[in-house]
Structure formats: structure tokens, C-alpha cells
Amino acid sequence: MASSKDYLDFILEQLSELDDITYRAMMGEYIIYYRGKVVGGIYDDRFLVKPVKSVVKMMPEVGLELPYEGAKEMLLVDNVENKEFLRNLLEAMYEELPAPKKKK
């Protein structure tokens, strides 16, 4: 099931307090970038983020989920209504994320 543009718009609004949030549509889903680094994405109208240490520490009760068959597991953000939490989450995880790959 593809994610809806409405859910993408909702998540982007919730992340609007952060500078340099971008996204890219990919096969009916959306990859979310913060300052050029992939933080996660929207899959089946769920906001999933990479399971880096800071995220696990901030959301210890959340289990790993598959965004799609064959993908690496990610963490479901269930507190998407809280803008401050989302801002803190992405800011905390930024330094742990790998640098973007150079395009050939």
C-alpha cells in the first residue's frame, strides 16, 4: 500500500520547525532527509526512522518494524503529534547518521 500525500504533508508540517527538511518520492513511499542525511521515511502511512542509539534511547518502548519486504528494520515514531519531540528526535540523531553518498 502506498503512502498518501496527505500523510506526507502532515509529517512535513510537524517537522516544519526544523531547517532543511526535504523528501523524495520513491515507489509510492517517501524518503525523509534532514540537512541532507536520510533520517527515515514514510511507509504505508507510518513515519519510520533509522534505529540509531539516540533514537533507541528516546523511544525505548518502540520495536523494530520493516518498512517493506527486504528492507532494514526501522523504528516506528508513534508520537507524531508532538512537534517538539520530533524536532528533538531528528536533532539528536543527526550526528549519528552517515554522510550522504557522493553521486557518481
C-alpha atoms as a PDB file:
ATOM      1  CA  MET A   1       0.000   0.000   0.000  1.00  0.00           C
ATOM      2  CA  ALA A   2       1.445   3.363  -0.985  1.00  0.00           C
ATOM      3  CA  SER A   3       1.550   6.268   1.433  1.00  0.00           C
ATOM      4  CA  SER A   4      -0.796   9.186   0.939  1.00  0.00           C
ATOM      5  CA  LYS A   5       0.315  12.712   0.032  1.00  0.00           C
ATOM      6  CA  ASP A   6      -1.900  13.907   2.920  1.00  0.00           C
ATOM      7  CA  TYR A   7       0.157  11.929   5.463  1.00  0.00           C
ATOM      8  CA  LEU A   8       3.395  13.251   3.925  1.00  0.00           C
ATOM      9  CA  ASP A   9       2.062  16.810   4.207  1.00  0.00           C
ATOM     10  CA  PHE A  10       1.107  16.184   7.853  1.00  0.00           C
ATOM     11  CA  ILE A  11       4.598  14.895   8.734  1.00  0.00           C
ATOM     12  CA  LEU A  12       6.270  17.771   6.870  1.00  0.00           C
ATOM     13  CA  GLU A  13       4.120  20.238   8.837  1.00  0.00           C
ATOM     14  CA  GLN A  14       5.097  18.509  12.085  1.00  0.00           C
ATOM     15  CA  LEU A  15       8.776  18.862  11.098  1.00  0.00           C
ATOM     16  CA  SER A  16       8.377  22.480   9.955  1.00  0.00           C
ATOM     17  CA  GLU A  17      10.321  23.870  12.947  1.00  0.00           C
ATOM     18  CA  LEU A  18      13.486  22.247  11.542  1.00  0.00           C
ATOM     19  CA  ASP A  19      15.520  23.828   8.769  1.00  0.00           C
ATOM     20  CA  ASP A  20      16.374  21.864   5.638  1.00  0.00           C
ATOM     21  CA  ILE A  21      13.789  19.064   5.723  1.00  0.00           C
ATOM     22  CA  THR A  22      13.377  17.559   2.272  1.00  0.00           C
ATOM     23  CA  TYR A  23      11.826  14.433   0.849  1.00  0.00           C
ATOM     24  CA  ARG A  24      11.958  12.263  -2.228  1.00  0.00           C
ATOM     25  CA  ALA A  25       9.173  10.095  -3.562  1.00  0.00           C
ATOM     26  CA  MET A  26      10.215   6.513  -4.192  1.00  0.00           C
ATOM     27  CA  MET A  27       7.880   3.763  -5.396  1.00  0.00           C
ATOM     28  CA  GLY A  28       4.805   5.190  -3.665  1.00  0.00           C
ATOM     29  CA  GLU A  29       6.647   5.949  -0.427  1.00  0.00           C
ATOM     30  CA  TYR A  30       8.704   8.942   0.756  1.00  0.00           C
ATOM     31  CA  ILE A  31      12.306   9.183   1.979  1.00  0.00           C
ATOM     32  CA  ILE A  32      12.788  11.988   4.535  1.00  0.00           C
ATOM     33  CA  TYR A  33      16.057  13.951   4.720  1.00  0.00           C
ATOM     34  CA  TYR A  34      17.297  16.305   7.418  1.00  0.00           C
ATOM     35  CA  ARG A  35      20.169  18.573   6.380  1.00  0.00           C
ATOM     36  CA  GLY A  36      20.983  16.199   3.528  1.00  0.00           C
ATOM     37  CA  LYS A  37      21.037  12.983   5.581  1.00  0.00           C
ATOM     38  CA  VAL A  38      18.396  10.243   5.403  1.00  0.00           C
ATOM     39  CA  VAL A  39      16.582  10.072   8.752  1.00  0.00           C
ATOM     40  CA  GLY A  40      13.867   7.673   7.685  1.00  0.00           C
ATOM     41  CA  GLY A  41      10.746   7.723   5.635  1.00  0.00           C
ATOM     42  CA  ILE A  42       7.026   7.335   5.297  1.00  0.00           C
ATOM     43  CA  TYR A  43       5.958   3.779   4.530  1.00  0.00           C
ATOM     44  CA  ASP A  44       2.315   2.698   4.449  1.00  0.00           C
ATOM     45  CA  ASP A  45       1.393   5.981   6.168  1.00  0.00           C
ATOM     46  CA  ARG A  46       3.819   5.286   9.034  1.00  0.00           C
ATOM     47  CA  PHE A  47       6.766   7.536   9.936  1.00  0.00           C
ATOM     48  CA  LEU A  48       9.771   5.246  10.447  1.00  0.00           C
ATOM     49  CA  VAL A  49      13.272   6.378  11.407  1.00  0.00           C
ATOM     50  CA  LYS A  50      16.702   4.749  11.433  1.00  0.00           C
ATOM     51  CA  PRO A  51      17.431   2.880  14.683  1.00  0.00           C
ATOM     52  CA  VAL A  52      20.481   4.859  15.805  1.00  0.00           C
ATOM     53  CA  LYS A  53      21.434   4.908  19.516  1.00  0.00           C
ATOM     54  CA  SER A  54      19.901   8.292  20.305  1.00  0.00           C
ATOM     55  CA  VAL A  55      16.540   7.270  18.836  1.00  0.00           C
ATOM     56  CA  VAL A  56      16.507   3.972  20.734  1.00  0.00           C
ATOM     57  CA  LYS A  57      17.276   5.925  23.918  1.00  0.00           C
ATOM     58  CA  MET A  58      14.436   8.398  23.263  1.00  0.00           C
ATOM     59  CA  MET A  59      11.912   5.694  22.298  1.00  0.00           C
ATOM     60  CA  PRO A  60      12.928   2.591  24.315  1.00  0.00           C
ATOM     61  CA  GLU A  61       9.456   1.046  24.194  1.00  0.00           C
ATOM     62  CA  VAL A  62       9.256   1.038  20.390  1.00  0.00           C
ATOM     63  CA  GLY A  63      10.044  -2.131  18.471  1.00  0.00           C
ATOM     64  CA  LEU A  64      11.651  -2.563  15.084  1.00  0.00           C
ATOM     65  CA  GLU A  65       9.427  -2.759  12.005  1.00  0.00           C
ATOM     66  CA  LEU A  66      10.016  -3.472   8.344  1.00  0.00           C
ATOM     67  CA  PRO A  67       9.244  -0.547   6.047  1.00  0.00           C
ATOM     68  CA  TYR A  68       8.840  -3.028   3.172  1.00  0.00           C
ATOM     69  CA  GLU A  69       9.867  -6.579   2.339  1.00  0.00           C
ATOM     70  CA  GLY A  70      13.639  -6.978   2.170  1.00  0.00           C
ATOM     71  CA  ALA A  71      14.451  -3.643   3.840  1.00  0.00           C
ATOM     72  CA  LYS A  72      16.419  -2.999   7.020  1.00  0.00           C
ATOM     73  CA  GLU A  73      14.293  -2.656  10.134  1.00  0.00           C
ATOM     74  CA  MET A  74      13.408   0.812  11.380  1.00  0.00           C
ATOM     75  CA  LEU A  75      11.654   2.313  14.399  1.00  0.00           C
ATOM     76  CA  LEU A  76       8.032   3.478  14.241  1.00  0.00           C
ATOM     77  CA  VAL A  77       7.510   7.014  15.533  1.00  0.00           C
ATOM     78  CA  ASP A  78       4.111   6.892  17.202  1.00  0.00           C
ATOM     79  CA  ASN A  79       4.318  10.349  18.804  1.00  0.00           C
ATOM     80  CA  VAL A  80       3.958  12.250  15.519  1.00  0.00           C
ATOM     81  CA  GLU A  81       1.523  14.792  17.008  1.00  0.00           C
ATOM     82  CA  ASN A  82       4.283  16.265  19.202  1.00  0.00           C
ATOM     83  CA  LYS A  83       6.337  18.763  17.156  1.00  0.00           C
ATOM     84  CA  GLU A  84       8.844  19.382  19.948  1.00  0.00           C
ATOM     85  CA  PHE A  85       9.511  15.649  20.347  1.00  0.00           C
ATOM     86  CA  LEU A  86      10.028  15.245  16.580  1.00  0.00           C
ATOM     87  CA  ARG A  87      12.401  18.217  16.458  1.00  0.00           C
ATOM     88  CA  ASN A  88      14.426  16.840  19.377  1.00  0.00           C
ATOM     89  CA  LEU A  89      14.437  13.363  17.846  1.00  0.00           C
ATOM     90  CA  LEU A  90      15.846  14.462  14.485  1.00  0.00           C
ATOM     91  CA  GLU A  91      18.357  16.851  16.071  1.00  0.00           C
ATOM     92  CA  ALA A  92      19.594  14.088  18.403  1.00  0.00           C
ATOM     93  CA  MET A  93      20.025  11.528  15.642  1.00  0.00           C
ATOM     94  CA  TYR A  94      21.656  13.819  13.072  1.00  0.00           C
ATOM     95  CA  GLU A  95      25.278  13.355  14.204  1.00  0.00           C
ATOM     96  CA  GLU A  96      24.900   9.550  14.239  1.00  0.00           C
ATOM     97  CA  LEU A  97      23.668   9.354  10.662  1.00  0.00           C
ATOM     98  CA  PRO A  98      26.089   8.543   7.855  1.00  0.00           C
ATOM     99  CA  ALA A  99      27.073  11.296   5.469  1.00  0.00           C
ATOM    100  CA  PRO A 100      25.240  11.261   2.132  1.00  0.00           C
ATOM    101  CA  LYS A 101      26.863   9.126  -0.551  1.00  0.00           C
ATOM    102  CA  LYS A 102      28.574  11.004  -3.342  1.00  0.00           C
ATOM    103  CA  LYS A 103      26.831  10.763  -6.696  1.00  0.00           C
ATOM    104  CA  LYS A 104      28.882   9.216  -9.482  1.00  0.00           C
END
